[in-house]
Amino acid sequence: MRFANAGHSHGISVDTIKGLDGVRMLTAQKFFDTSSKENEKVAVCITVDSTGNVIKASYQSQGSTTSRDEYVKKALERAYRMKFSPTNSVSKGTVIFNFRILGNF
């Protein structure tokens, strides 16, 4: 994906999903953002209801490389936008959001 601004492409992607056995992510795995200026990871603990919606998300220091508010806030926003396959029960797991400067074009 190309951006007209500074000639850089910046991205946020889902790096790892742990837990959530039997649940598939239905939303796209990549979300692009033009303000990431560093390569960082933010781990987010999520709770998914039986309809596949994220009903709780919280920052987790284990697995994160930053605790800066700007990255944590974006990761939490992305977590609440995620959609998973329906199940018979509530599921809990961890999602690691990978903030990357993808390169020059």
N, C-alpha and C. Protein backbone atom coordinates (compact mmCIF):
# COMPACT_ATOMS: atom_id res chain seq x y z
N MET A 1 0.86 -1.16 0.00
CA MET A 1 0.00 0.00 0.00
C MET A 1 0.90 1.23 0.00
N ARG A 2 0.59 2.20 -0.82
CA ARG A 2 1.40 3.40 -0.92
C ARG A 2 0.66 4.60 -0.35
N PHE A 3 1.45 5.51 0.21
CA PHE A 3 0.89 6.73 0.76
C PHE A 3 1.57 7.91 0.08
N ALA A 4 0.84 8.99 -0.10
CA ALA A 4 1.38 10.15 -0.79
C ALA A 4 2.20 11.05 0.13
N ASN A 5 2.10 10.86 1.44
CA ASN A 5 2.77 11.79 2.35
C ASN A 5 4.28 11.66 2.31
N ALA A 6 4.94 11.23 3.32
CA ALA A 6 6.40 11.29 3.44
C ALA A 6 7.12 10.23 2.62
N GLY A 7 6.44 9.44 1.83
CA GLY A 7 7.11 8.42 1.04
C GLY A 7 7.39 7.15 1.82
N HIS A 8 6.81 7.02 2.99
CA HIS A 8 6.97 5.83 3.82
C HIS A 8 5.62 5.16 3.96
N SER A 9 5.64 3.87 4.11
CA SER A 9 4.42 3.13 4.40
C SER A 9 4.56 2.58 5.82
N HIS A 10 3.55 2.81 6.62
CA HIS A 10 3.57 2.38 8.01
C HIS A 10 2.42 1.42 8.21
N GLY A 11 2.60 0.40 9.03
CA GLY A 11 1.51 -0.55 9.19
C GLY A 11 1.38 -1.10 10.58
N ILE A 12 0.20 -1.58 10.85
CA ILE A 12 -0.10 -2.31 12.07
C ILE A 12 -0.66 -3.64 11.60
N SER A 13 -0.06 -4.72 12.06
CA SER A 13 -0.59 -6.03 11.69
C SER A 13 -0.75 -6.89 12.94
N VAL A 14 -1.58 -7.90 12.83
CA VAL A 14 -1.73 -8.86 13.91
C VAL A 14 -0.60 -9.87 13.76
N ASP A 15 0.29 -9.91 14.74
CA ASP A 15 1.47 -10.76 14.67
C ASP A 15 1.16 -12.16 15.19
N THR A 16 0.50 -12.26 16.33
CA THR A 16 0.26 -13.54 16.99
C THR A 16 -1.08 -13.50 17.71
N ILE A 17 -1.78 -14.61 17.67
CA ILE A 17 -2.98 -14.77 18.49
C ILE A 17 -2.77 -16.03 19.32
N LYS A 18 -2.80 -15.88 20.65
CA LYS A 18 -2.63 -17.01 21.57
C LYS A 18 -3.93 -17.24 22.32
N GLY A 19 -4.24 -18.49 22.57
CA GLY A 19 -5.50 -18.80 23.24
C GLY A 19 -6.61 -18.83 22.21
N LEU A 20 -7.81 -18.51 22.62
CA LEU A 20 -8.96 -18.46 21.73
C LEU A 20 -9.13 -19.75 20.94
N ASP A 21 -8.98 -20.88 21.61
CA ASP A 21 -9.10 -22.18 20.95
C ASP A 21 -10.45 -22.33 20.26
N GLY A 22 -10.41 -22.76 19.01
CA GLY A 22 -11.62 -22.99 18.24
C GLY A 22 -12.25 -21.73 17.67
N VAL A 23 -11.59 -20.59 17.83
CA VAL A 23 -12.13 -19.33 17.34
C VAL A 23 -11.23 -18.84 16.20
N ARG A 24 -11.84 -18.45 15.09
CA ARG A 24 -11.09 -17.91 13.95
C ARG A 24 -11.32 -16.41 13.85
N MET A 25 -10.27 -15.68 13.47
CA MET A 25 -10.42 -14.26 13.24
C MET A 25 -11.06 -14.07 11.87
N LEU A 26 -12.11 -13.26 11.80
CA LEU A 26 -12.83 -13.04 10.56
C LEU A 26 -12.46 -11.73 9.88
N THR A 27 -11.94 -10.77 10.63
CA THR A 27 -11.58 -9.47 10.06
C THR A 27 -10.22 -9.56 9.39
N ALA A 28 -9.93 -8.60 8.55
CA ALA A 28 -8.63 -8.55 7.86
C ALA A 28 -7.51 -8.46 8.88
N GLN A 29 -6.37 -9.06 8.56
CA GLN A 29 -5.25 -9.09 9.50
C GLN A 29 -4.41 -7.83 9.49
N LYS A 30 -4.49 -7.01 8.46
CA LYS A 30 -3.65 -5.82 8.44
C LYS A 30 -4.49 -4.56 8.52
N PHE A 31 -4.05 -3.64 9.34
CA PHE A 31 -4.66 -2.34 9.46
C PHE A 31 -3.54 -1.34 9.23
N PHE A 32 -3.71 -0.39 8.34
CA PHE A 32 -2.63 0.54 8.04
C PHE A 32 -2.87 1.87 8.72
N ASP A 33 -1.80 2.47 9.13
CA ASP A 33 -1.83 3.71 9.87
C ASP A 33 -0.62 4.52 9.43
N THR A 34 -0.77 5.81 9.26
CA THR A 34 0.32 6.62 8.73
C THR A 34 1.16 7.31 9.80
N SER A 35 0.89 7.07 11.07
CA SER A 35 1.64 7.81 12.10
C SER A 35 2.65 6.95 12.87
N SER A 36 2.78 5.67 12.57
CA SER A 36 3.76 4.84 13.27
C SER A 36 5.16 5.22 12.82
N LYS A 37 6.00 5.56 13.77
CA LYS A 37 7.34 6.00 13.44
C LYS A 37 8.41 5.04 13.97
N GLU A 38 7.98 3.98 14.63
CA GLU A 38 8.90 3.02 15.21
C GLU A 38 8.36 1.62 15.05
N ASN A 39 9.24 0.64 15.12
CA ASN A 39 8.83 -0.76 15.13
C ASN A 39 8.60 -1.17 16.58
N GLU A 40 7.36 -1.48 16.91
CA GLU A 40 7.00 -1.84 18.28
C GLU A 40 5.96 -2.95 18.27
N LYS A 41 5.84 -3.66 19.40
CA LYS A 41 4.81 -4.68 19.58
C LYS A 41 4.01 -4.33 20.83
N VAL A 42 2.68 -4.53 20.73
CA VAL A 42 1.80 -4.31 21.87
C VAL A 42 0.93 -5.55 22.04
N ALA A 43 1.02 -6.18 23.20
CA ALA A 43 0.21 -7.35 23.51
C ALA A 43 -1.08 -6.89 24.19
N VAL A 44 -2.20 -7.46 23.74
CA VAL A 44 -3.50 -7.10 24.28
C VAL A 44 -4.24 -8.38 24.65
N CYS A 45 -4.68 -8.46 25.91
CA CYS A 45 -5.53 -9.57 26.35
C CYS A 45 -6.95 -9.23 25.93
N ILE A 46 -7.61 -10.19 25.27
CA ILE A 46 -8.98 -9.94 24.82
C ILE A 46 -9.93 -11.01 25.33
N THR A 47 -11.18 -10.62 25.47
CA THR A 47 -12.26 -11.53 25.77
C THR A 47 -13.25 -11.42 24.62
N VAL A 48 -13.60 -12.57 24.04
CA VAL A 48 -14.51 -12.62 22.90
C VAL A 48 -15.79 -13.32 23.34
N ASP A 49 -16.94 -12.67 23.06
CA ASP A 49 -18.21 -13.29 23.45
C ASP A 49 -18.62 -14.36 22.44
N SER A 50 -19.74 -15.03 22.71
CA SER A 50 -20.16 -16.16 21.88
C SER A 50 -20.56 -15.74 20.47
N THR A 51 -20.80 -14.44 20.23
CA THR A 51 -21.13 -13.98 18.88
C THR A 51 -19.89 -13.56 18.09
N GLY A 52 -18.71 -13.60 18.74
CA GLY A 52 -17.46 -13.26 18.05
C GLY A 52 -16.99 -11.84 18.22
N ASN A 53 -17.66 -11.07 19.08
CA ASN A 53 -17.26 -9.69 19.33
C ASN A 53 -16.30 -9.60 20.51
N VAL A 54 -15.34 -8.69 20.40
CA VAL A 54 -14.43 -8.44 21.51
C VAL A 54 -15.18 -7.57 22.52
N ILE A 55 -15.33 -8.09 23.73
CA ILE A 55 -16.08 -7.37 24.76
C ILE A 55 -15.17 -6.77 25.83
N LYS A 56 -13.90 -7.18 25.84
CA LYS A 56 -12.94 -6.63 26.79
C LYS A 56 -11.56 -6.71 26.16
N ALA A 57 -10.78 -5.65 26.35
CA ALA A 57 -9.40 -5.61 25.86
C ALA A 57 -8.56 -4.82 26.84
N SER A 58 -7.39 -5.36 27.18
CA SER A 58 -6.51 -4.65 28.11
C SER A 58 -5.05 -4.88 27.72
N TYR A 59 -4.24 -3.87 27.95
CA TYR A 59 -2.81 -3.92 27.66
C TYR A 59 -2.13 -4.97 28.53
N GLN A 60 -1.19 -5.69 27.94
CA GLN A 60 -0.40 -6.67 28.67
C GLN A 60 1.07 -6.37 28.44
N SER A 61 1.83 -6.16 29.50
CA SER A 61 3.25 -5.83 29.35
C SER A 61 4.07 -7.01 28.81
N GLN A 62 3.71 -8.23 29.22
CA GLN A 62 4.42 -9.41 28.72
C GLN A 62 4.10 -9.59 27.24
N GLY A 63 5.13 -9.58 26.42
CA GLY A 63 4.97 -9.68 24.98
C GLY A 63 5.00 -8.34 24.27
N SER A 64 4.95 -7.25 25.03
CA SER A 64 5.00 -5.90 24.46
C SER A 64 6.42 -5.37 24.49
N THR A 65 6.76 -4.54 23.51
CA THR A 65 8.06 -3.87 23.51
C THR A 65 7.93 -2.40 23.87
N THR A 66 6.71 -1.93 24.07
CA THR A 66 6.47 -0.54 24.46
C THR A 66 5.22 -0.46 25.33
N SER A 67 5.18 0.57 26.15
CA SER A 67 3.97 0.86 26.92
C SER A 67 3.51 2.29 26.63
N ARG A 68 4.07 2.87 25.56
CA ARG A 68 3.71 4.25 25.21
C ARG A 68 2.23 4.34 24.88
N ASP A 69 1.58 5.36 25.45
CA ASP A 69 0.13 5.54 25.31
C ASP A 69 -0.35 5.52 23.86
N GLU A 70 0.39 6.16 22.95
CA GLU A 70 -0.07 6.25 21.56
C GLU A 70 -0.18 4.87 20.92
N TYR A 71 0.74 3.96 21.23
CA TYR A 71 0.70 2.61 20.67
C TYR A 71 -0.34 1.74 21.37
N VAL A 72 -0.40 1.85 22.68
CA VAL A 72 -1.37 1.07 23.45
C VAL A 72 -2.79 1.45 23.04
N LYS A 73 -3.06 2.74 22.93
CA LYS A 73 -4.40 3.21 22.55
C LYS A 73 -4.80 2.67 21.18
N LYS A 74 -3.88 2.73 20.20
CA LYS A 74 -4.20 2.22 18.86
C LYS A 74 -4.43 0.72 18.88
N ALA A 75 -3.63 -0.01 19.64
CA ALA A 75 -3.80 -1.47 19.72
C ALA A 75 -5.15 -1.82 20.34
N LEU A 76 -5.54 -1.12 21.40
CA LEU A 76 -6.83 -1.38 22.04
C LEU A 76 -7.98 -1.06 21.09
N GLU A 77 -7.87 0.06 20.35
CA GLU A 77 -8.90 0.40 19.37
C GLU A 77 -9.04 -0.69 18.33
N ARG A 78 -7.90 -1.20 17.83
CA ARG A 78 -7.92 -2.26 16.82
C ARG A 78 -8.50 -3.55 17.39
N ALA A 79 -8.18 -3.83 18.64
CA ALA A 79 -8.69 -5.05 19.26
C ALA A 79 -10.22 -5.04 19.31
N TYR A 80 -10.80 -3.90 19.69
CA TYR A 80 -12.26 -3.83 19.76
C TYR A 80 -12.91 -3.90 18.39
N ARG A 81 -12.18 -3.62 17.33
CA ARG A 81 -12.72 -3.71 15.96
C ARG A 81 -12.65 -5.13 15.40
N MET A 82 -11.89 -6.00 16.03
CA MET A 82 -11.73 -7.36 15.52
C MET A 82 -13.03 -8.14 15.64
N LYS A 83 -13.22 -9.07 14.71
CA LYS A 83 -14.40 -9.93 14.73
C LYS A 83 -13.93 -11.37 14.58
N PHE A 84 -14.49 -12.24 15.40
CA PHE A 84 -14.12 -13.65 15.41
C PHE A 84 -15.34 -14.51 15.09
N SER A 85 -15.08 -15.76 14.78
CA SER A 85 -16.18 -16.69 14.49
C SER A 85 -16.99 -16.94 15.76
N PRO A 86 -18.30 -17.15 15.62
CA PRO A 86 -19.15 -17.45 16.78
C PRO A 86 -18.76 -18.79 17.42
N THR A 87 -18.97 -18.88 18.73
CA THR A 87 -18.71 -20.12 19.47
C THR A 87 -19.83 -20.34 20.49
N ASN A 88 -19.71 -21.40 21.24
CA ASN A 88 -20.72 -21.69 22.26
C ASN A 88 -20.44 -21.03 23.59
N SER A 89 -19.27 -20.38 23.70
CA SER A 89 -18.92 -19.79 24.99
C SER A 89 -18.01 -18.58 24.81
N VAL A 90 -17.73 -17.92 25.91
CA VAL A 90 -16.79 -16.80 25.93
C VAL A 90 -15.37 -17.36 25.86
N SER A 91 -14.50 -16.71 25.08
CA SER A 91 -13.10 -17.13 24.93
C SER A 91 -12.18 -15.99 25.32
N LYS A 92 -11.02 -16.37 25.86
CA LYS A 92 -10.01 -15.38 26.23
C LYS A 92 -8.69 -15.73 25.56
N GLY A 93 -7.93 -14.70 25.20
CA GLY A 93 -6.65 -14.93 24.58
C GLY A 93 -5.85 -13.64 24.50
N THR A 94 -4.72 -13.70 23.81
CA THR A 94 -3.83 -12.56 23.66
C THR A 94 -3.57 -12.32 22.18
N VAL A 95 -3.64 -11.07 21.78
CA VAL A 95 -3.31 -10.67 20.42
C VAL A 95 -2.10 -9.75 20.50
N ILE A 96 -1.12 -9.98 19.64
CA ILE A 96 0.04 -9.09 19.59
C ILE A 96 -0.05 -8.27 18.32
N PHE A 97 -0.14 -6.95 18.49
CA PHE A 97 -0.18 -6.03 17.37
C PHE A 97 1.25 -5.57 17.08
N ASN A 98 1.63 -5.68 15.83
CA ASN A 98 2.97 -5.37 15.38
C ASN A 98 2.93 -4.05 14.62
N PHE A 99 3.50 -3.00 15.20
CA PHE A 99 3.57 -1.70 14.55
C PHE A 99 4.90 -1.67 13.79
N ARG A 100 4.84 -1.42 12.49
CA ARG A 100 6.06 -1.45 11.69
C ARG A 100 6.13 -0.30 10.70
N ILE A 101 7.35 0.17 10.51
CA ILE A 101 7.64 1.04 9.38
C ILE A 101 7.97 0.06 8.26
N LEU A 102 7.12 0.01 7.25
CA LEU A 102 7.25 -1.01 6.23
C LEU A 102 8.31 -0.72 5.16
N GLY A 103 8.74 0.50 5.02
CA GLY A 103 9.81 0.78 4.06
C GLY A 103 9.56 2.01 3.22
N ASN A 104 10.56 2.36 2.45
CA ASN A 104 10.50 3.49 1.53
C ASN A 104 10.03 3.03 0.17
N PHE A 105 9.31 3.93 -0.51
CA PHE A 105 8.89 3.66 -1.88
C PHE A 105 9.43 4.74 -2.79
